[in-house]
Amino acid sequence: MLNRIIPSSISTSEYENNKPAYFIDGERVDKILIEKLNPSDIKYINVSKVDKQYPNGKIDIVSKKEKES
């Protein structure tokens, strides 16, 4: 359903470049994957603006998962 390729060069200096941290189903991803994500694959999005670990915010996307048999 979702492509699970995680880029090898995720910025570790979000505080310096003022960008939030992006996650899909609990896995850290690059913004490029977020932009390519099909909106119909998203169950919900949680935006956290108060997180000591991510001072510029955290965007956590939970996808719709196929039923496992």
PDB file of N, CA and C in Angstrom:
ATOM      1  N   MET A   1       0.833  -1.189   0.000  1.00  0.00           N
ATOM      2  CA  MET A   1       0.000   0.000   0.000  1.00  0.00           C
ATOM      3  C   MET A   1       0.877   1.251   0.000  1.00  0.00           C
ATOM      4  N   LEU A   2       1.676   1.445   1.041  1.00  0.00           N
ATOM      5  CA  LEU A   2       2.584   2.586   1.090  1.00  0.00           C
ATOM      6  C   LEU A   2       3.991   2.133   0.785  1.00  0.00           C
ATOM      7  N   ASN A   3       4.698   2.928   0.037  1.00  0.00           N
ATOM      8  CA  ASN A   3       6.093   2.625  -0.255  1.00  0.00           C
ATOM      9  C   ASN A   3       6.918   2.912   0.985  1.00  0.00           C
ATOM     10  N   ARG A   4       7.626   1.930   1.493  1.00  0.00           N
ATOM     11  CA  ARG A   4       8.359   2.057   2.746  1.00  0.00           C
ATOM     12  C   ARG A   4       9.831   2.371   2.534  1.00  0.00           C
ATOM     13  N   ILE A   5      10.161   3.083   1.472  1.00  0.00           N
ATOM     14  CA  ILE A   5      11.548   3.467   1.253  1.00  0.00           C
ATOM     15  C   ILE A   5      11.819   4.723   2.069  1.00  0.00           C
ATOM     16  N   ILE A   6      12.756   4.628   2.999  1.00  0.00           N
ATOM     17  CA  ILE A   6      13.103   5.760   3.840  1.00  0.00           C
ATOM     18  C   ILE A   6      14.423   6.322   3.341  1.00  0.00           C
ATOM     19  N   PRO A   7      14.436   7.581   2.927  1.00  0.00           N
ATOM     20  CA  PRO A   7      15.674   8.170   2.420  1.00  0.00           C
ATOM     21  C   PRO A   7      16.793   8.100   3.455  1.00  0.00           C
ATOM     22  N   SER A   8      18.003   7.904   2.972  1.00  0.00           N
ATOM     23  CA  SER A   8      19.135   7.781   3.880  1.00  0.00           C
ATOM     24  C   SER A   8      19.585   9.123   4.437  1.00  0.00           C
ATOM     25  N   SER A   9      19.090  10.205   3.869  1.00  0.00           N
ATOM     26  CA  SER A   9      19.563  11.521   4.301  1.00  0.00           C
ATOM     27  C   SER A   9      18.437  12.365   4.893  1.00  0.00           C
ATOM     28  N   ILE A  10      17.869  11.919   5.997  1.00  0.00           N
ATOM     29  CA  ILE A  10      16.867  12.717   6.696  1.00  0.00           C
ATOM     30  C   ILE A  10      17.612  13.729   7.550  1.00  0.00           C
ATOM     31  N   SER A  11      17.217  14.965   7.432  1.00  0.00           N
ATOM     32  CA  SER A  11      17.899  16.033   8.155  1.00  0.00           C
ATOM     33  C   SER A  11      17.803  15.817   9.660  1.00  0.00           C
ATOM     34  N   THR A  12      18.932  15.931  10.328  1.00  0.00           N
ATOM     35  CA  THR A  12      18.933  15.807  11.786  1.00  0.00           C
ATOM     36  C   THR A  12      18.970  17.165  12.457  1.00  0.00           C
ATOM     37  N   SER A  13      18.924  18.223  11.673  1.00  0.00           N
ATOM     38  CA  SER A  13      19.002  19.560  12.257  1.00  0.00           C
ATOM     39  C   SER A  13      17.717  20.350  11.995  1.00  0.00           C
ATOM     40  N   GLU A  14      16.553  19.751  12.367  1.00  0.00           N
ATOM     41  CA  GLU A  14      15.282  20.428  12.140  1.00  0.00           C
ATOM     42  C   GLU A  14      15.220  21.766  12.861  1.00  0.00           C
ATOM     43  N   TYR A  15      15.850  21.829  14.027  1.00  0.00           N
ATOM     44  CA  TYR A  15      15.812  23.071  14.795  1.00  0.00           C
ATOM     45  C   TYR A  15      16.477  24.201  14.019  1.00  0.00           C
ATOM     46  N   GLU A  16      17.559  23.894  13.340  1.00  0.00           N
ATOM     47  CA  GLU A  16      18.286  24.914  12.583  1.00  0.00           C
ATOM     48  C   GLU A  16      17.538  25.337  11.332  1.00  0.00           C
ATOM     49  N   ASN A  17      16.907  24.403  10.626  1.00  0.00           N
ATOM     50  CA  ASN A  17      16.240  24.757   9.382  1.00  0.00           C
ATOM     51  C   ASN A  17      14.737  24.959   9.553  1.00  0.00           C
ATOM     52  N   ASN A  18      14.252  24.940  10.793  1.00  0.00           N
ATOM     53  CA  ASN A  18      12.878  25.292  11.125  1.00  0.00           C
ATOM     54  C   ASN A  18      11.842  24.408  10.430  1.00  0.00           C
ATOM     55  N   LYS A  19      12.116  23.114  10.297  1.00  0.00           N
ATOM     56  CA  LYS A  19      11.185  22.186   9.663  1.00  0.00           C
ATOM     57  C   LYS A  19      10.705  21.163  10.689  1.00  0.00           C
ATOM     58  N   PRO A  20       9.434  20.751  10.565  1.00  0.00           N
ATOM     59  CA  PRO A  20       8.930  19.735  11.498  1.00  0.00           C
ATOM     60  C   PRO A  20       9.467  18.349  11.153  1.00  0.00           C
ATOM     61  N   ALA A  21       9.307  17.425  12.074  1.00  0.00           N
ATOM     62  CA  ALA A  21       9.657  16.021  11.841  1.00  0.00           C
ATOM     63  C   ALA A  21       8.417  15.317  11.294  1.00  0.00           C
ATOM     64  N   TYR A  22       8.615  14.475  10.283  1.00  0.00           N
ATOM     65  CA  TYR A  22       7.512  13.765   9.642  1.00  0.00           C
ATOM     66  C   TYR A  22       7.596  12.277   9.951  1.00  0.00           C
ATOM     67  N   PHE A  23       6.429  11.671  10.253  1.00  0.00           N
ATOM     68  CA  PHE A  23       6.349  10.240  10.539  1.00  0.00           C
ATOM     69  C   PHE A  23       5.156   9.647   9.808  1.00  0.00           C
ATOM     70  N   ILE A  24       5.330   8.426   9.293  1.00  0.00           N
ATOM     71  CA  ILE A  24       4.214   7.650   8.743  1.00  0.00           C
ATOM     72  C   ILE A  24       4.191   6.335   9.501  1.00  0.00           C
ATOM     73  N   ASP A  25       3.079   6.060  10.158  1.00  0.00           N
ATOM     74  CA  ASP A  25       2.910   4.842  10.956  1.00  0.00           C
ATOM     75  C   ASP A  25       4.078   4.621  11.920  1.00  0.00           C
ATOM     76  N   GLY A  26       4.534   5.685  12.530  1.00  0.00           N
ATOM     77  CA  GLY A  26       5.583   5.597  13.536  1.00  0.00           C
ATOM     78  C   GLY A  26       7.002   5.582  13.000  1.00  0.00           C
ATOM     79  N   GLU A  27       7.179   5.583  11.684  1.00  0.00           N
ATOM     80  CA  GLU A  27       8.510   5.569  11.084  1.00  0.00           C
ATOM     81  C   GLU A  27       8.863   6.963  10.582  1.00  0.00           C
ATOM     82  N   ARG A  28      10.043   7.430  10.915  1.00  0.00           N
ATOM     83  CA  ARG A  28      10.514   8.745  10.478  1.00  0.00           C
ATOM     84  C   ARG A  28      10.730   8.724   8.972  1.00  0.00           C
ATOM     85  N   VAL A  29      10.188   9.717   8.276  1.00  0.00           N
ATOM     86  CA  VAL A  29      10.313   9.797   6.823  1.00  0.00           C
ATOM     87  C   VAL A  29      10.677  11.217   6.408  1.00  0.00           C
ATOM     88  N   ASP A  30      11.104  11.350   5.189  1.00  0.00           N
ATOM     89  CA  ASP A  30      11.432  12.646   4.617  1.00  0.00           C
ATOM     90  C   ASP A  30      10.162  13.294   4.062  1.00  0.00           C
ATOM     91  N   LYS A  31      10.151  14.603   3.990  1.00  0.00           N
ATOM     92  CA  LYS A  31       8.983  15.345   3.494  1.00  0.00           C
ATOM     93  C   LYS A  31       8.600  14.929   2.076  1.00  0.00           C
ATOM     94  N   ILE A  32       9.574  14.492   1.291  1.00  0.00           N
ATOM     95  CA  ILE A  32       9.294  14.073  -0.094  1.00  0.00           C
ATOM     96  C   ILE A  32       8.285  12.922  -0.118  1.00  0.00           C
ATOM     97  N   LEU A  33       8.399  11.979   0.823  1.00  0.00           N
ATOM     98  CA  LEU A  33       7.438  10.877   0.892  1.00  0.00           C
ATOM     99  C   LEU A  33       6.053  11.366   1.283  1.00  0.00           C
ATOM    100  N   ILE A  34       5.993  12.361   2.130  1.00  0.00           N
ATOM    101  CA  ILE A  34       4.702  12.935   2.534  1.00  0.00           C
ATOM    102  C   ILE A  34       4.021  13.561   1.322  1.00  0.00           C
ATOM    103  N   GLU A  35       4.786  14.265   0.500  1.00  0.00           N
ATOM    104  CA  GLU A  35       4.234  14.922  -0.673  1.00  0.00           C
ATOM    105  C   GLU A  35       3.735  13.924  -1.709  1.00  0.00           C
ATOM    106  N   LYS A  36       4.313  12.728  -1.749  1.00  0.00           N
ATOM    107  CA  LYS A  36       3.916  11.708  -2.721  1.00  0.00           C
ATOM    108  C   LYS A  36       2.800  10.807  -2.201  1.00  0.00           C
ATOM    109  N   LEU A  37       2.441  10.958  -0.935  1.00  0.00           N
ATOM    110  CA  LEU A  37       1.433  10.109  -0.310  1.00  0.00           C
ATOM    111  C   LEU A  37       0.047  10.402  -0.883  1.00  0.00           C
ATOM    112  N   ASN A  38      -0.674   9.352  -1.224  1.00  0.00           N
ATOM    113  CA  ASN A  38      -2.029   9.482  -1.740  1.00  0.00           C
ATOM    114  C   ASN A  38      -2.964   9.818  -0.576  1.00  0.00           C
ATOM    115  N   PRO A  39      -3.703  10.906  -0.658  1.00  0.00           N
ATOM    116  CA  PRO A  39      -4.592  11.298   0.443  1.00  0.00           C
ATOM    117  C   PRO A  39      -5.597  10.218   0.841  1.00  0.00           C
ATOM    118  N   SER A  40      -6.013   9.383  -0.100  1.00  0.00           N
ATOM    119  CA  SER A  40      -6.983   8.334   0.237  1.00  0.00           C
ATOM    120  C   SER A  40      -6.350   7.208   1.059  1.00  0.00           C
ATOM    121  N   ASP A  41      -5.012   7.184   1.186  1.00  0.00           N
ATOM    122  CA  ASP A  41      -4.326   6.197   2.015  1.00  0.00           C
ATOM    123  C   ASP A  41      -4.172   6.654   3.466  1.00  0.00           C
ATOM    124  N   ILE A  42      -4.605   7.870   3.769  1.00  0.00           N
ATOM    125  CA  ILE A  42      -4.436   8.436   5.111  1.00  0.00           C
ATOM    126  C   ILE A  42      -5.682   8.190   5.954  1.00  0.00           C
ATOM    127  N   LYS A  43      -5.452   7.613   7.140  1.00  0.00           N
ATOM    128  CA  LYS A  43      -6.549   7.423   8.094  1.00  0.00           C
ATOM    129  C   LYS A  43      -6.744   8.709   8.888  1.00  0.00           C
ATOM    130  N   TYR A  44      -5.641   9.228   9.472  1.00  0.00           N
ATOM    131  CA  TYR A  44      -5.691  10.518  10.154  1.00  0.00           C
ATOM    132  C   TYR A  44      -4.290  11.083  10.306  1.00  0.00           C
ATOM    133  N   ILE A  45      -4.242  12.384  10.627  1.00  0.00           N
ATOM    134  CA  ILE A  45      -2.989  13.100  10.820  1.00  0.00           C
ATOM    135  C   ILE A  45      -3.025  13.750  12.194  1.00  0.00           C
ATOM    136  N   ASN A  46      -1.927  13.614  12.935  1.00  0.00           N
ATOM    137  CA  ASN A  46      -1.805  14.250  14.236  1.00  0.00           C
ATOM    138  C   ASN A  46      -0.644  15.245  14.163  1.00  0.00           C
ATOM    139  N   VAL A  47      -0.905  16.485  14.514  1.00  0.00           N
ATOM    140  CA  VAL A  47       0.127  17.519  14.512  1.00  0.00           C
ATOM    141  C   VAL A  47       0.413  17.913  15.958  1.00  0.00           C
ATOM    142  N   SER A  48       1.672  17.756  16.358  1.00  0.00           N
ATOM    143  CA  SER A  48       2.082  18.108  17.708  1.00  0.00           C
ATOM    144  C   SER A  48       3.026  19.304  17.636  1.00  0.00           C
ATOM    145  N   LYS A  49       2.636  20.381  18.266  1.00  0.00           N
ATOM    146  CA  LYS A  49       3.470  21.584  18.257  1.00  0.00           C
ATOM    147  C   LYS A  49       4.288  21.713  19.540  1.00  0.00           C
ATOM    148  N   VAL A  50       3.962  20.902  20.545  1.00  0.00           N
ATOM    149  CA  VAL A  50       4.663  20.971  21.823  1.00  0.00           C
ATOM    150  C   VAL A  50       5.301  19.611  22.087  1.00  0.00           C
ATOM    151  N   ASP A  51       6.543  19.463  21.661  1.00  0.00           N
ATOM    152  CA  ASP A  51       7.281  18.217  21.869  1.00  0.00           C
ATOM    153  C   ASP A  51       8.745  18.584  22.047  1.00  0.00           C
ATOM    154  N   LYS A  52       9.292  18.296  23.221  1.00  0.00           N
ATOM    155  CA  LYS A  52      10.679  18.692  23.501  1.00  0.00           C
ATOM    156  C   LYS A  52      11.670  18.063  22.535  1.00  0.00           C
ATOM    157  N   GLN A  53      11.365  16.846  22.066  1.00  0.00           N
ATOM    158  CA  GLN A  53      12.263  16.163  21.141  1.00  0.00           C
ATOM    159  C   GLN A  53      12.218  16.786  19.746  1.00  0.00           C
ATOM    160  N   TYR A  54      11.086  17.383  19.367  1.00  0.00           N
ATOM    161  CA  TYR A  54      10.915  18.004  18.049  1.00  0.00           C
ATOM    162  C   TYR A  54      10.440  19.445  18.235  1.00  0.00           C
ATOM    163  N   PRO A  55      11.354  20.366  18.487  1.00  0.00           N
ATOM    164  CA  PRO A  55      10.978  21.745  18.821  1.00  0.00           C
ATOM    165  C   PRO A  55      10.249  22.484  17.698  1.00  0.00           C
ATOM    166  N   ASN A  56      10.367  22.025  16.465  1.00  0.00           N
ATOM    167  CA  ASN A  56       9.660  22.669  15.347  1.00  0.00           C
ATOM    168  C   ASN A  56       8.386  21.935  14.977  1.00  0.00           C
ATOM    169  N   GLY A  57       7.978  20.991  15.796  1.00  0.00           N
ATOM    170  CA  GLY A  57       6.735  20.266  15.572  1.00  0.00           C
ATOM    171  C   GLY A  57       6.957  18.863  15.042  1.00  0.00           C
ATOM    172  N   LYS A  58       5.904  18.076  15.157  1.00  0.00           N
ATOM    173  CA  LYS A  58       5.926  16.693  14.700  1.00  0.00           C
ATOM    174  C   LYS A  58       4.613  16.426  13.972  1.00  0.00           C
ATOM    175  N   ILE A  59       4.714  15.925  12.749  1.00  0.00           N
ATOM    176  CA  ILE A  59       3.546  15.571  11.958  1.00  0.00           C
ATOM    177  C   ILE A  59       3.532  14.055  11.848  1.00  0.00           C
ATOM    178  N   ASP A  60       2.526  13.447  12.443  1.00  0.00           N
ATOM    179  CA  ASP A  60       2.423  11.994  12.494  1.00  0.00           C
ATOM    180  C   ASP A  60       1.214  11.557  11.681  1.00  0.00           C
ATOM    181  N   ILE A  61       1.457  10.810  10.595  1.00  0.00           N
ATOM    182  CA  ILE A  61       0.396  10.347   9.714  1.00  0.00           C
ATOM    183  C   ILE A  61       0.182   8.868   9.963  1.00  0.00           C
ATOM    184  N   VAL A  62      -1.079   8.490  10.171  1.00  0.00           N
ATOM    185  CA  VAL A  62      -1.439   7.091  10.327  1.00  0.00           C
ATOM    186  C   VAL A  62      -2.188   6.685   9.067  1.00  0.00           C
ATOM    187  N   SER A  63      -1.684   5.630   8.415  1.00  0.00           N
ATOM    188  CA  SER A  63      -2.275   5.205   7.149  1.00  0.00           C
ATOM    189  C   SER A  63      -3.385   4.184   7.370  1.00  0.00           C
ATOM    190  N   LYS A  64      -4.200   4.055   6.342  1.00  0.00           N
ATOM    191  CA  LYS A  64      -5.189   2.979   6.323  1.00  0.00           C
ATOM    192  C   LYS A  64      -4.413   1.722   5.965  1.00  0.00           C
ATOM    193  N   LYS A  65      -4.529   0.701   6.766  1.00  0.00           N
ATOM    194  CA  LYS A  65      -3.796  -0.534   6.514  1.00  0.00           C
ATOM    195  C   LYS A  65      -4.763  -1.605   6.004  1.00  0.00           C
ATOM    196  N   GLU A  66      -4.260  -2.434   5.093  1.00  0.00           N
ATOM    197  CA  GLU A  66      -5.067  -3.535   4.593  1.00  0.00           C
ATOM    198  C   GLU A  66      -5.253  -4.555   5.702  1.00  0.00           C
ATOM    199  N   LYS A  67      -6.400  -5.223   5.708  1.00  0.00           N
ATOM    200  CA  LYS A  67      -6.649  -6.249   6.724  1.00  0.00           C
ATOM    201  C   LYS A  67      -5.689  -7.399   6.519  1.00  0.00           C
ATOM    202  N   GLU A  68      -5.107  -7.846   7.621  1.00  0.00           N
ATOM    203  CA  GLU A  68      -4.231  -8.999   7.562  1.00  0.00           C
ATOM    204  C   GLU A  68      -5.063 -10.257   7.733  1.00  0.00           C
ATOM    205  N   SER A  69      -4.761 -11.278   6.946  1.00  0.00           N
ATOM    206  CA  SER A  69      -5.568 -12.506   7.035  1.00  0.00           C
ATOM    207  C   SER A  69      -5.000 -13.488   8.029  1.00  0.00           C
TER     208      SER A  69
END
